[in-house]
Amino acid sequence: MSQPLLVARNLSKTYRNRGLGGTGAPVHAVRNVSLEIGRGSVLALAGQSGSGKSTVARLLLALEPPDTGTVLFDGIPLNDVSGARLRRLRRRFQAVFQDPYASLNPRLTIRTIVAEPLRAAGNLSSGVLTQRVGELLELAGLPARFMAKRPGSLSGGERQRVAIARALATRPDLLILDEPLSALDVSIQAQILNLLLHLREELGLAMLFISHDLALVRLIAGKTAVMYEGAVVEQGPTATLLTAPMHPYTQTLLGESTPAQTGRAGQLASGVPWPEGSCPFAPSCPFAAAACTKEPPLEELAPDHLVACWFPPGVKAARTGATRS
């Protein structure tokens, strides 16, 4: 088997809580996250707002360093790369962000916006730049005449197509798409999703598709990792994970279960608060028991299906070493 294009190993990131004069509890945005993205494949990263998905994206893009862990792109550890070498490597992985209104400079023409990474990558004549920008716009489903426009005259879907065209300028191997459809109307979402599927097929792009919308995840990703409170709690083939989820949080996302009423205050049934190091979902979990005061590891419970739960619903036996008492 070929080496995965991108590998993240045991990534963690904690931020200092600047509230209350910086004396608040630290925020564990990402906790021991490991992911792999194969060449030409699509991995979805799913979870509710605040689960750590966007922080993972920033770590994978080398926009900020992890506190612990390693990111390897095509076998190269990004932790050890900087300066011009990192800039060259970044041409091979690009990002499309959530808000197409904020990600494009309103003062620049579309030609200038899409040409910016081309200028950074090499010395091209004005004529070659114009030709290349036209090709990129066409690839993203926009006519070349859009080059003269500015972002303010475009719809949300058109702006996101411009952002995609810009991301494709350096012919990347990987696109990291951070909630690329959430700011768009439903009808426009379908158009952009179809565009992404077409680009994956035509260009052989690998993608990390970050979304809270499991209906969209189902349509685009071969594999899905579900995040909760900074950790991956379930990971596996999308079709399996969304039809037979094993983690109670995934079931909650799919509307198949609801959090326990007694867990809303974040306490054990005895009224004792859940201790540090507990399963992060335990205070809201309808299946929580005493064993959940220890956080479960992410382990393979079915072929290629990883779950972090001591008592996964639908699995007859509890995890090794877990007892309900």
C-alpha atoms as a PDB file:
ATOM      1  CA  MET A   1       0.000   0.000   0.000  1.00  0.00           C
ATOM      2  CA  SER A   2       1.197   3.515  -0.763  1.00  0.00           C
ATOM      3  CA  GLN A   3       2.081   5.927   2.004  1.00  0.00           C
ATOM      4  CA  PRO A   4      -0.816   8.207   3.065  1.00  0.00           C
ATOM      5  CA  LEU A   5      -0.537  11.757   1.780  1.00  0.00           C
ATOM      6  CA  LEU A   6      -1.119  13.297   5.195  1.00  0.00           C
ATOM      7  CA  VAL A   7      -0.661  11.734   8.620  1.00  0.00           C
ATOM      8  CA  ALA A   8      -1.399  13.391  11.957  1.00  0.00           C
ATOM      9  CA  ARG A   9      -0.130  11.593  15.031  1.00  0.00           C
ATOM     10  CA  ASN A  10      -1.285  12.350  18.569  1.00  0.00           C
ATOM     11  CA  LEU A  11      -1.932  16.065  18.006  1.00  0.00           C
ATOM     12  CA  SER A  12      -2.762  18.155  21.063  1.00  0.00           C
ATOM     13  CA  LYS A  13      -3.297  21.895  21.453  1.00  0.00           C
ATOM     14  CA  THR A  14      -4.174  23.802  24.613  1.00  0.00           C
ATOM     15  CA  TYR A  15      -4.905  27.515  24.820  1.00  0.00           C
ATOM     16  CA  ARG A  16      -4.592  29.705  27.844  1.00  0.00           C
ATOM     17  CA  ASN A  17      -7.985  31.000  28.972  1.00  0.00           C
ATOM     18  CA  ARG A  18      -7.607  34.772  28.829  1.00  0.00           C
ATOM     19  CA  GLY A  19     -10.841  35.409  30.683  1.00  0.00           C
ATOM     20  CA  LEU A  20     -10.757  36.408  34.342  1.00  0.00           C
ATOM     21  CA  GLY A  21      -7.341  37.970  33.896  1.00  0.00           C
ATOM     22  CA  GLY A  22      -5.963  34.823  32.312  1.00  0.00           C
ATOM     23  CA  THR A  23      -6.572  32.798  35.457  1.00  0.00           C
ATOM     24  CA  GLY A  24      -9.357  30.596  34.048  1.00  0.00           C
ATOM     25  CA  ALA A  25      -8.968  26.919  33.257  1.00  0.00           C
ATOM     26  CA  PRO A  26      -6.966  26.109  30.094  1.00  0.00           C
ATOM     27  CA  VAL A  27      -8.937  25.201  26.974  1.00  0.00           C
ATOM     28  CA  HIS A  28      -7.960  21.794  25.587  1.00  0.00           C
ATOM     29  CA  ALA A  29      -8.917  22.486  21.969  1.00  0.00           C
ATOM     30  CA  VAL A  30      -7.372  19.311  20.505  1.00  0.00           C
ATOM     31  CA  ARG A  31      -6.576  16.192  22.505  1.00  0.00           C
ATOM     32  CA  ASN A  32      -4.477  13.358  21.115  1.00  0.00           C
ATOM     33  CA  VAL A  33      -5.939  13.412  17.589  1.00  0.00           C
ATOM     34  CA  SER A  34      -4.577  11.041  14.943  1.00  0.00           C
ATOM     35  CA  LEU A  35      -5.772  11.073  11.317  1.00  0.00           C
ATOM     36  CA  GLU A  36      -4.695   9.794   7.907  1.00  0.00           C
ATOM     37  CA  ILE A  37      -5.715  11.026   4.456  1.00  0.00           C
ATOM     38  CA  GLY A  38      -4.884   8.860   1.477  1.00  0.00           C
ATOM     39  CA  ARG A  39      -4.014  10.228  -1.945  1.00  0.00           C
ATOM     40  CA  GLY A  40      -7.175  11.145  -3.820  1.00  0.00           C
ATOM     41  CA  SER A  41      -9.415  10.244  -0.864  1.00  0.00           C
ATOM     42  CA  VAL A  42     -11.851  12.350   1.174  1.00  0.00           C
ATOM     43  CA  LEU A  43     -11.866  12.258   4.968  1.00  0.00           C
ATOM     44  CA  ALA A  44     -14.622  14.118   6.795  1.00  0.00           C
ATOM     45  CA  LEU A  45     -14.104  15.671  10.206  1.00  0.00           C
ATOM     46  CA  ALA A  46     -17.515  16.024  11.839  1.00  0.00           C
ATOM     47  CA  GLY A  47     -18.817  17.420  15.098  1.00  0.00           C
ATOM     48  CA  GLN A  48     -20.659  20.326  16.609  1.00  0.00           C
ATOM     49  CA  SER A  49     -19.287  23.858  16.840  1.00  0.00           C
ATOM     50  CA  GLY A  50     -16.497  24.059  19.398  1.00  0.00           C
ATOM     51  CA  SER A  51     -15.456  20.426  19.069  1.00  0.00           C
ATOM     52  CA  GLY A  52     -11.965  21.359  17.826  1.00  0.00           C
ATOM     53  CA  LYS A  53     -12.368  20.762  14.089  1.00  0.00           C
ATOM     54  CA  SER A  54     -11.031  24.153  12.961  1.00  0.00           C
ATOM     55  CA  THR A  55      -8.079  23.946  15.340  1.00  0.00           C
ATOM     56  CA  VAL A  56      -7.152  20.599  13.785  1.00  0.00           C
ATOM     57  CA  ALA A  57      -7.292  22.280  10.367  1.00  0.00           C
ATOM     58  CA  ARG A  58      -4.909  25.015  11.515  1.00  0.00           C
ATOM     59  CA  LEU A  59      -2.472  22.429  12.860  1.00  0.00           C
ATOM     60  CA  LEU A  60      -2.578  20.422   9.624  1.00  0.00           C
ATOM     61  CA  LEU A  61      -1.997  23.587   7.583  1.00  0.00           C
ATOM     62  CA  ALA A  62       1.016  24.473   9.781  1.00  0.00           C
ATOM     63  CA  LEU A  63      -0.626  27.803  10.606  1.00  0.00           C
ATOM     64  CA  GLU A  64       0.256  27.111  14.231  1.00  0.00           C
ATOM     65  CA  PRO A  65       2.300  24.377  15.892  1.00  0.00           C
ATOM     66  CA  PRO A  66       0.831  21.592  18.016  1.00  0.00           C
ATOM     67  CA  ASP A  67       1.835  21.398  21.663  1.00  0.00           C
ATOM     68  CA  THR A  68       2.522  17.704  21.117  1.00  0.00           C
ATOM     69  CA  GLY A  69       2.306  15.374  18.154  1.00  0.00           C
ATOM     70  CA  THR A  70       3.456  15.374  14.543  1.00  0.00           C
ATOM     71  CA  VAL A  71       2.010  16.227  11.132  1.00  0.00           C
ATOM     72  CA  LEU A  72       3.608  14.517   8.151  1.00  0.00           C
ATOM     73  CA  PHE A  73       2.825  15.619   4.615  1.00  0.00           C
ATOM     74  CA  ASP A  74       4.056  13.132   2.019  1.00  0.00           C
ATOM     75  CA  GLY A  75       6.386  11.776   4.697  1.00  0.00           C
ATOM     76  CA  ILE A  76       7.823  15.193   5.617  1.00  0.00           C
ATOM     77  CA  PRO A  77       7.318  16.308   9.250  1.00  0.00           C
ATOM     78  CA  LEU A  78       5.879  19.824   9.071  1.00  0.00           C
ATOM     79  CA  ASN A  79       7.054  20.467  12.643  1.00  0.00           C
ATOM     80  CA  ASP A  80      10.631  20.465  11.356  1.00  0.00           C
ATOM     81  CA  VAL A  81      10.076  22.634   8.266  1.00  0.00           C
ATOM     82  CA  SER A  82      10.083  26.434   8.154  1.00  0.00           C
ATOM     83  CA  GLY A  83      10.838  29.425   5.965  1.00  0.00           C
ATOM     84  CA  ALA A  84      11.158  28.998   2.215  1.00  0.00           C
ATOM     85  CA  ARG A  85      10.948  25.216   2.389  1.00  0.00           C
ATOM     86  CA  LEU A  86       7.595  25.378   4.186  1.00  0.00           C
ATOM     87  CA  ARG A  87       6.295  27.945   1.677  1.00  0.00           C
ATOM     88  CA  ARG A  88       7.222  25.623  -1.188  1.00  0.00           C
ATOM     89  CA  LEU A  89       5.594  22.677   0.537  1.00  0.00           C
ATOM     90  CA  ARG A  90       2.432  24.691   1.236  1.00  0.00           C
ATOM     91  CA  ARG A  91       1.783  24.916  -2.506  1.00  0.00           C
ATOM     92  CA  ARG A  92       0.782  21.263  -2.268  1.00  0.00           C
ATOM     93  CA  PHE A  93      -1.874  21.750   0.427  1.00  0.00           C
ATOM     94  CA  GLN A  94      -4.343  24.606   0.306  1.00  0.00           C
ATOM     95  CA  ALA A  95      -7.413  25.697   2.270  1.00  0.00           C
ATOM     96  CA  VAL A  96     -10.940  26.916   1.578  1.00  0.00           C
ATOM     97  CA  PHE A  97     -12.570  28.540   4.585  1.00  0.00           C
ATOM     98  CA  GLN A  98     -16.131  28.892   5.805  1.00  0.00           C
ATOM     99  CA  ASP A  99     -16.965  32.492   5.011  1.00  0.00           C
ATOM    100  CA  PRO A 100     -16.503  33.512   1.361  1.00  0.00           C
ATOM    101  CA  TYR A 101     -17.375  37.084   2.360  1.00  0.00           C
ATOM    102  CA  ALA A 102     -14.414  37.330   4.731  1.00  0.00           C
ATOM    103  CA  SER A 103     -11.824  35.286   2.833  1.00  0.00           C
ATOM    104  CA  LEU A 104     -11.631  37.564  -0.248  1.00  0.00           C
ATOM    105  CA  ASN A 105     -10.219  41.095  -0.223  1.00  0.00           C
ATOM    106  CA  PRO A 106     -13.124  43.338  -1.344  1.00  0.00           C
ATOM    107  CA  ARG A 107     -10.778  45.937  -2.848  1.00  0.00           C
ATOM    108  CA  LEU A 108      -9.132  43.570  -5.320  1.00  0.00           C
ATOM    109  CA  THR A 109     -10.378  42.253  -8.629  1.00  0.00           C
ATOM    110  CA  ILE A 110     -11.027  38.545  -9.023  1.00  0.00           C
ATOM    111  CA  ARG A 111      -8.070  38.339 -11.397  1.00  0.00           C
ATOM    112  CA  THR A 112      -5.743  39.751  -8.732  1.00  0.00           C
ATOM    113  CA  ILE A 113      -7.161  37.473  -6.016  1.00  0.00           C
ATOM    114  CA  VAL A 114      -6.815  34.247  -7.998  1.00  0.00           C
ATOM    115  CA  ALA A 115      -3.426  35.273  -9.431  1.00  0.00           C
ATOM    116  CA  GLU A 116      -1.909  35.985  -6.013  1.00  0.00           C
ATOM    117  CA  PRO A 117      -0.634  32.429  -5.316  1.00  0.00           C
ATOM    118  CA  LEU A 118       0.621  32.186  -8.915  1.00  0.00           C
ATOM    119  CA  ARG A 119       2.725  35.312  -8.420  1.00  0.00           C
ATOM    120  CA  ALA A 120       4.087  33.924  -5.176  1.00  0.00           C
ATOM    121  CA  ALA A 121       4.982  30.632  -6.849  1.00  0.00           C
ATOM    122  CA  GLY A 122       7.008  32.037  -9.740  1.00  0.00           C
ATOM    123  CA  ASN A 123       7.709  34.765 -12.304  1.00  0.00           C
ATOM    124  CA  LEU A 124       4.919  34.645 -14.867  1.00  0.00           C
ATOM    125  CA  SER A 125       4.141  37.225 -17.511  1.00  0.00           C
ATOM    126  CA  SER A 126       0.909  39.178 -17.323  1.00  0.00           C
ATOM    127  CA  GLY A 127      -0.480  37.315 -20.308  1.00  0.00           C
ATOM    128  CA  VAL A 128       0.285  33.904 -18.829  1.00  0.00           C
ATOM    129  CA  LEU A 129      -1.243  34.971 -15.502  1.00  0.00           C
ATOM    130  CA  THR A 130      -4.441  36.084 -17.206  1.00  0.00           C
ATOM    131  CA  GLN A 131      -4.681  32.837 -19.155  1.00  0.00           C
ATOM    132  CA  ARG A 132      -4.080  30.744 -16.055  1.00  0.00           C
ATOM    133  CA  VAL A 133      -6.646  32.704 -13.991  1.00  0.00           C
ATOM    134  CA  GLY A 134      -9.216  32.162 -16.732  1.00  0.00           C
ATOM    135  CA  GLU A 135      -8.524  28.423 -16.695  1.00  0.00           C
ATOM    136  CA  LEU A 136      -8.869  28.280 -12.916  1.00  0.00           C
ATOM    137  CA  LEU A 137     -12.157  30.178 -12.946  1.00  0.00           C
ATOM    138  CA  GLU A 138     -13.491  27.845 -15.625  1.00  0.00           C
ATOM    139  CA  LEU A 139     -12.398  24.867 -13.524  1.00  0.00           C
ATOM    140  CA  ALA A 140     -14.392  26.324 -10.624  1.00  0.00           C
ATOM    141  CA  GLY A 141     -17.447  26.858 -12.810  1.00  0.00           C
ATOM    142  CA  LEU A 142     -17.119  30.598 -13.516  1.00  0.00           C
ATOM    143  CA  PRO A 143     -16.648  32.372 -16.879  1.00  0.00           C
ATOM    144  CA  ALA A 144     -13.426  34.242 -17.556  1.00  0.00           C
ATOM    145  CA  ARG A 145     -15.300  37.571 -17.643  1.00  0.00           C
ATOM    146  CA  PHE A 146     -15.495  37.378 -13.822  1.00  0.00           C
ATOM    147  CA  MET A 147     -11.822  38.415 -13.731  1.00  0.00           C
ATOM    148  CA  ALA A 148     -12.796  42.081 -13.915  1.00  0.00           C
ATOM    149  CA  LYS A 149     -15.347  41.866 -11.099  1.00  0.00           C
ATOM    150  CA  ARG A 150     -14.824  42.477  -7.402  1.00  0.00           C
ATOM    151  CA  PRO A 151     -16.103  40.252  -4.568  1.00  0.00           C
ATOM    152  CA  GLY A 152     -18.842  42.706  -3.597  1.00  0.00           C
ATOM    153  CA  SER A 153     -20.652  42.142  -6.888  1.00  0.00           C
ATOM    154  CA  LEU A 154     -20.745  38.350  -6.509  1.00  0.00           C
ATOM    155  CA  SER A 155     -23.167  36.020  -4.754  1.00  0.00           C
ATOM    156  CA  GLY A 156     -22.040  33.817  -1.873  1.00  0.00           C
ATOM    157  CA  GLY A 157     -21.766  30.774  -4.119  1.00  0.00           C
ATOM    158  CA  GLU A 158     -19.758  32.702  -6.714  1.00  0.00           C
ATOM    159  CA  ARG A 159     -17.381  33.953  -4.039  1.00  0.00           C
ATOM    160  CA  GLN A 160     -16.827  30.423  -2.768  1.00  0.00           C
ATOM    161  CA  ARG A 161     -16.059  29.321  -6.333  1.00  0.00           C
ATOM    162  CA  VAL A 162     -13.458  32.096  -6.507  1.00  0.00           C
ATOM    163  CA  ALA A 163     -11.961  30.867  -3.226  1.00  0.00           C
ATOM    164  CA  ILE A 164     -11.792  27.346  -4.664  1.00  0.00           C
ATOM    165  CA  ALA A 165     -10.172  28.633  -7.878  1.00  0.00           C
ATOM    166  CA  ARG A 166      -7.540  30.440  -5.814  1.00  0.00           C
ATOM    167  CA  ALA A 167      -6.880  27.296  -3.768  1.00  0.00           C
ATOM    168  CA  LEU A 168      -6.335  25.305  -6.960  1.00  0.00           C
ATOM    169  CA  ALA A 169      -3.845  27.808  -8.406  1.00  0.00           C
ATOM    170  CA  THR A 170      -0.758  25.981  -7.161  1.00  0.00           C
ATOM    171  CA  ARG A 171      -2.072  22.570  -8.302  1.00  0.00           C
ATOM    172  CA  PRO A 172      -2.252  21.175  -4.756  1.00  0.00           C
ATOM    173  CA  ASP A 173      -2.526  17.521  -3.832  1.00  0.00           C
ATOM    174  CA  LEU A 174      -4.727  18.250  -0.816  1.00  0.00           C
ATOM    175  CA  LEU A 175      -7.576  20.676  -0.102  1.00  0.00           C
ATOM    176  CA  ILE A 176      -8.579  21.356   3.498  1.00  0.00           C
ATOM    177  CA  LEU A 177     -12.160  22.603   3.432  1.00  0.00           C
ATOM    178  CA  ASP A 178     -13.276  24.134   6.719  1.00  0.00           C
ATOM    179  CA  GLU A 179     -17.109  24.293   6.715  1.00  0.00           C
ATOM    180  CA  PRO A 180     -17.029  25.464   3.061  1.00  0.00           C
ATOM    181  CA  LEU A 181     -20.818  25.197   2.619  1.00  0.00           C
ATOM    182  CA  SER A 182     -22.258  26.355   5.929  1.00  0.00           C
ATOM    183  CA  ALA A 183     -22.544  30.034   4.930  1.00  0.00           C
ATOM    184  CA  LEU A 184     -24.433  29.211   1.721  1.00  0.00           C
ATOM    185  CA  ASP A 185     -28.081  28.595   0.870  1.00  0.00           C
ATOM    186  CA  VAL A 186     -29.096  24.949   0.563  1.00  0.00           C
ATOM    187  CA  SER A 187     -29.476  25.117  -3.227  1.00  0.00           C
ATOM    188  CA  ILE A 188     -26.014  26.674  -3.566  1.00  0.00           C
ATOM    189  CA  GLN A 189     -24.558  24.082  -1.188  1.00  0.00           C
ATOM    190  CA  ALA A 190     -25.574  21.357  -3.629  1.00  0.00           C
ATOM    191  CA  GLN A 191     -23.848  23.160  -6.506  1.00  0.00           C
ATOM    192  CA  ILE A 192     -20.574  23.627  -4.622  1.00  0.00           C
ATOM    193  CA  LEU A 193     -20.677  20.049  -3.337  1.00  0.00           C
ATOM    194  CA  ASN A 194     -21.071  18.786  -6.911  1.00  0.00           C
ATOM    195  CA  LEU A 195     -18.142  20.992  -7.928  1.00  0.00           C
ATOM    196  CA  LEU A 196     -15.944  19.475  -5.211  1.00  0.00           C
ATOM    197  CA  LEU A 197     -16.902  15.956  -6.253  1.00  0.00           C
ATOM    198  CA  HIS A 198     -16.075  16.822  -9.875  1.00  0.00           C
ATOM    199  CA  LEU A 199     -12.698  18.322  -8.908  1.00  0.00           C
ATOM    200  CA  ARG A 200     -11.798  15.280  -6.871  1.00  0.00           C
ATOM    201  CA  GLU A 201     -12.574  13.038  -9.845  1.00  0.00           C
ATOM    202  CA  GLU A 202     -10.877  15.225 -12.460  1.00  0.00           C
ATOM    203  CA  LEU A 203      -7.777  16.274 -10.517  1.00  0.00           C
ATOM    204  CA  GLY A 204      -7.343  13.344  -8.126  1.00  0.00           C
ATOM    205  CA  LEU A 205      -7.464  15.715  -5.160  1.00  0.00           C
ATOM    206  CA  ALA A 206      -7.358  14.494  -1.601  1.00  0.00           C
ATOM    207  CA  MET A 207      -9.644  16.425   0.738  1.00  0.00           C
ATOM    208  CA  LEU A 208     -10.301  16.997   4.404  1.00  0.00           C
ATOM    209  CA  PHE A 209     -13.951  18.041   4.532  1.00  0.00           C
ATOM    210  CA  ILE A 210     -14.833  19.678   7.852  1.00  0.00           C
ATOM    211  CA  SER A 211     -18.533  19.961   8.600  1.00  0.00           C
ATOM    212  CA  HIS A 212     -21.173  19.726  11.317  1.00  0.00           C
ATOM    213  CA  ASP A 213     -23.710  18.580   8.697  1.00  0.00           C
ATOM    214  CA  LEU A 214     -23.732  14.783   8.485  1.00  0.00           C
ATOM    215  CA  ALA A 215     -26.037  14.845   5.449  1.00  0.00           C
ATOM    216  CA  LEU A 216     -23.252  16.580   3.491  1.00  0.00           C
ATOM    217  CA  VAL A 217     -20.584  14.312   4.954  1.00  0.00           C
ATOM    218  CA  ARG A 218     -22.538  11.291   3.729  1.00  0.00           C
ATOM    219  CA  LEU A 219     -22.372  12.554   0.137  1.00  0.00           C
ATOM    220  CA  ILE A 220     -18.677  13.336  -0.166  1.00  0.00           C
ATOM    221  CA  ALA A 221     -16.476  11.407   2.269  1.00  0.00           C
ATOM    222  CA  GLY A 222     -15.263   7.834   2.142  1.00  0.00           C
ATOM    223  CA  LYS A 223     -14.235   7.950   5.796  1.00  0.00           C
ATOM    224  CA  THR A 224     -15.390  10.094   8.707  1.00  0.00           C
ATOM    225  CA  ALA A 225     -13.889  11.028  12.056  1.00  0.00           C
ATOM    226  CA  VAL A 226     -16.250  12.420  14.699  1.00  0.00           C
ATOM    227  CA  MET A 227     -14.868  14.923  17.234  1.00  0.00           C
ATOM    228  CA  TYR A 228     -16.163  15.851  20.667  1.00  0.00           C
ATOM    229  CA  GLU A 229     -14.441  18.200  23.135  1.00  0.00           C
ATOM    230  CA  GLY A 230     -11.206  18.145  21.146  1.00  0.00           C
ATOM    231  CA  ALA A 231     -10.945  14.361  20.784  1.00  0.00           C
ATOM    232  CA  VAL A 232     -11.855  11.907  18.039  1.00  0.00           C
ATOM    233  CA  VAL A 233     -14.497   9.640  19.580  1.00  0.00           C
ATOM    234  CA  GLU A 234     -15.365   7.552  16.499  1.00  0.00           C
ATOM    235  CA  GLN A 235     -13.785   6.968  13.110  1.00  0.00           C
ATOM    236  CA  GLY A 236     -14.556   4.644  10.239  1.00  0.00           C
ATOM    237  CA  PRO A 237     -16.050   4.206   6.766  1.00  0.00           C
ATOM    238  CA  THR A 238     -18.720   6.873   6.365  1.00  0.00           C
ATOM    239  CA  ALA A 239     -21.458   4.496   5.234  1.00  0.00           C
ATOM    240  CA  THR A 240     -20.906   2.248   8.260  1.00  0.00           C
ATOM    241  CA  LEU A 241     -20.425   5.020  10.778  1.00  0.00           C
ATOM    242  CA  LEU A 242     -23.603   6.863   9.770  1.00  0.00           C
ATOM    243  CA  THR A 243     -25.807   3.772   9.499  1.00  0.00           C
ATOM    244  CA  ALA A 244     -24.470   1.841  12.507  1.00  0.00           C
ATOM    245  CA  PRO A 245     -22.769   4.359  14.830  1.00  0.00           C
ATOM    246  CA  MET A 246     -21.090   2.866  17.890  1.00  0.00           C
ATOM    247  CA  HIS A 247     -20.446   5.977  19.973  1.00  0.00           C
ATOM    248  CA  PRO A 248     -23.377   7.573  21.846  1.00  0.00           C
ATOM    249  CA  TYR A 249     -22.264  11.058  20.753  1.00  0.00           C
ATOM    250  CA  THR A 250     -22.442  10.035  17.087  1.00  0.00           C
ATOM    251  CA  GLN A 251     -25.883   8.626  17.772  1.00  0.00           C
ATOM    252  CA  THR A 252     -26.854  11.959  19.320  1.00  0.00           C
ATOM    253  CA  LEU A 253     -25.657  13.815  16.215  1.00  0.00           C
ATOM    254  CA  LEU A 254     -27.791  11.501  14.097  1.00  0.00           C
ATOM    255  CA  GLY A 255     -30.803  12.005  16.369  1.00  0.00           C
ATOM    256  CA  GLU A 256     -30.847   8.369  17.477  1.00  0.00           C
ATOM    257  CA  SER A 257     -30.414   9.094  21.182  1.00  0.00           C
ATOM    258  CA  THR A 258     -30.612  12.011  23.600  1.00  0.00           C
ATOM    259  CA  PRO A 259     -28.311  13.009  26.466  1.00  0.00           C
ATOM    260  CA  ALA A 260     -29.230  11.649  29.884  1.00  0.00           C
ATOM    261  CA  GLN A 261     -31.329  14.025  31.987  1.00  0.00           C
ATOM    262  CA  THR A 262     -29.190  13.323  35.061  1.00  0.00           C
ATOM    263  CA  GLY A 263     -26.042  14.280  33.208  1.00  0.00           C
ATOM    264  CA  ARG A 264     -26.939  17.867  32.470  1.00  0.00           C
ATOM    265  CA  ALA A 265     -25.310  19.153  35.637  1.00  0.00           C
ATOM    266  CA  GLY A 266     -22.098  17.268  34.817  1.00  0.00           C
ATOM    267  CA  GLN A 267     -22.378  14.930  37.802  1.00  0.00           C
ATOM    268  CA  LEU A 268     -22.378  11.229  38.514  1.00  0.00           C
ATOM    269  CA  ALA A 269     -25.655   9.705  39.655  1.00  0.00           C
ATOM    270  CA  SER A 270     -24.382  10.084  43.214  1.00  0.00           C
ATOM    271  CA  GLY A 271     -24.130  13.838  42.754  1.00  0.00           C
ATOM    272  CA  VAL A 272     -20.312  13.757  42.686  1.00  0.00           C
ATOM    273  CA  PRO A 273     -18.828  15.824  39.813  1.00  0.00           C
ATOM    274  CA  TRP A 274     -17.149  13.859  37.025  1.00  0.00           C
ATOM    275  CA  PRO A 275     -13.402  13.962  37.751  1.00  0.00           C
ATOM    276  CA  GLU A 276     -10.671  15.262  35.480  1.00  0.00           C
ATOM    277  CA  GLY A 277      -9.658  12.555  33.018  1.00  0.00           C
ATOM    278  CA  SER A 278     -13.178  11.159  32.622  1.00  0.00           C
ATOM    279  CA  CYS A 279     -14.697  10.360  29.258  1.00  0.00           C
ATOM    280  CA  PRO A 280     -15.546  13.850  27.947  1.00  0.00           C
ATOM    281  CA  PHE A 281     -19.045  12.763  26.880  1.00  0.00           C
ATOM    282  CA  ALA A 282     -19.874  11.024  30.161  1.00  0.00           C
ATOM    283  CA  PRO A 283     -21.753  13.966  31.765  1.00  0.00           C
ATOM    284  CA  SER A 284     -24.237  13.907  28.863  1.00  0.00           C
ATOM    285  CA  CYS A 285     -24.213  10.204  28.043  1.00  0.00           C
ATOM    286  CA  PRO A 286     -27.287   8.002  28.591  1.00  0.00           C
ATOM    287  CA  PHE A 287     -25.031   4.950  28.994  1.00  0.00           C
ATOM    288  CA  ALA A 288     -22.447   6.410  31.408  1.00  0.00           C
ATOM    289  CA  ALA A 289     -21.306   4.281  34.351  1.00  0.00           C
ATOM    290  CA  ALA A 290     -18.551   4.257  36.947  1.00  0.00           C
ATOM    291  CA  ALA A 291     -15.959   3.031  34.405  1.00  0.00           C
ATOM    292  CA  CYS A 292     -16.468   6.273  32.478  1.00  0.00           C
ATOM    293  CA  THR A 293     -14.520   8.185  35.119  1.00  0.00           C
ATOM    294  CA  LYS A 294     -11.541   7.005  33.047  1.00  0.00           C
ATOM    295  CA  GLU A 295     -11.297   8.184  29.448  1.00  0.00           C
ATOM    296  CA  PRO A 296     -11.440   5.246  26.999  1.00  0.00           C
ATOM    297  CA  PRO A 297      -8.819   4.900  24.263  1.00  0.00           C
ATOM    298  CA  LEU A 298      -9.771   5.023  20.595  1.00  0.00           C
ATOM    299  CA  GLU A 299      -9.638   1.376  19.526  1.00  0.00           C
ATOM    300  CA  GLU A 300     -10.821  -0.764  16.642  1.00  0.00           C
ATOM    301  CA  LEU A 301     -14.064  -2.499  17.639  1.00  0.00           C
ATOM    302  CA  ALA A 302     -15.020  -3.573  14.106  1.00  0.00           C
ATOM    303  CA  PRO A 303     -13.035  -3.728  10.854  1.00  0.00           C
ATOM    304  CA  ASP A 304     -11.615  -0.231  10.255  1.00  0.00           C
ATOM    305  CA  HIS A 305     -14.100   1.181  12.795  1.00  0.00           C
ATOM    306  CA  LEU A 306     -12.521   2.903  15.814  1.00  0.00           C
ATOM    307  CA  VAL A 307     -14.497   3.927  18.897  1.00  0.00           C
ATOM    308  CA  ALA A 308     -13.635   5.602  22.207  1.00  0.00           C
ATOM    309  CA  CYS A 309     -16.355   4.279  24.517  1.00  0.00           C
ATOM    310  CA  TRP A 310     -16.419   1.792  27.389  1.00  0.00           C
ATOM    311  CA  PHE A 311     -20.018   0.723  26.674  1.00  0.00           C
ATOM    312  CA  PRO A 312     -20.582   1.304  22.941  1.00  0.00           C
ATOM    313  CA  PRO A 313     -24.298   1.001  22.094  1.00  0.00           C
ATOM    314  CA  GLY A 314     -25.027  -1.947  19.828  1.00  0.00           C
ATOM    315  CA  VAL A 315     -21.957  -3.872  20.987  1.00  0.00           C
ATOM    316  CA  LYS A 316     -22.997  -6.808  23.179  1.00  0.00           C
ATOM    317  CA  ALA A 317     -20.028  -6.792  25.541  1.00  0.00           C
ATOM    318  CA  ALA A 318     -18.410  -3.874  27.321  1.00  0.00           C
ATOM    319  CA  ARG A 319     -14.812  -2.953  26.531  1.00  0.00           C
ATOM    320  CA  THR A 320     -12.137  -4.972  28.312  1.00  0.00           C
ATOM    321  CA  GLY A 321     -11.782  -3.845  31.910  1.00  0.00           C
ATOM    322  CA  ALA A 322     -15.012  -1.816  31.952  1.00  0.00           C
ATOM    323  CA  THR A 323     -17.664  -2.506  34.567  1.00  0.00           C
ATOM    324  CA  ARG A 324     -20.890  -0.644  35.221  1.00  0.00           C
ATOM    325  CA  SER A 325     -20.644  -0.752  38.998  1.00  0.00           C
END
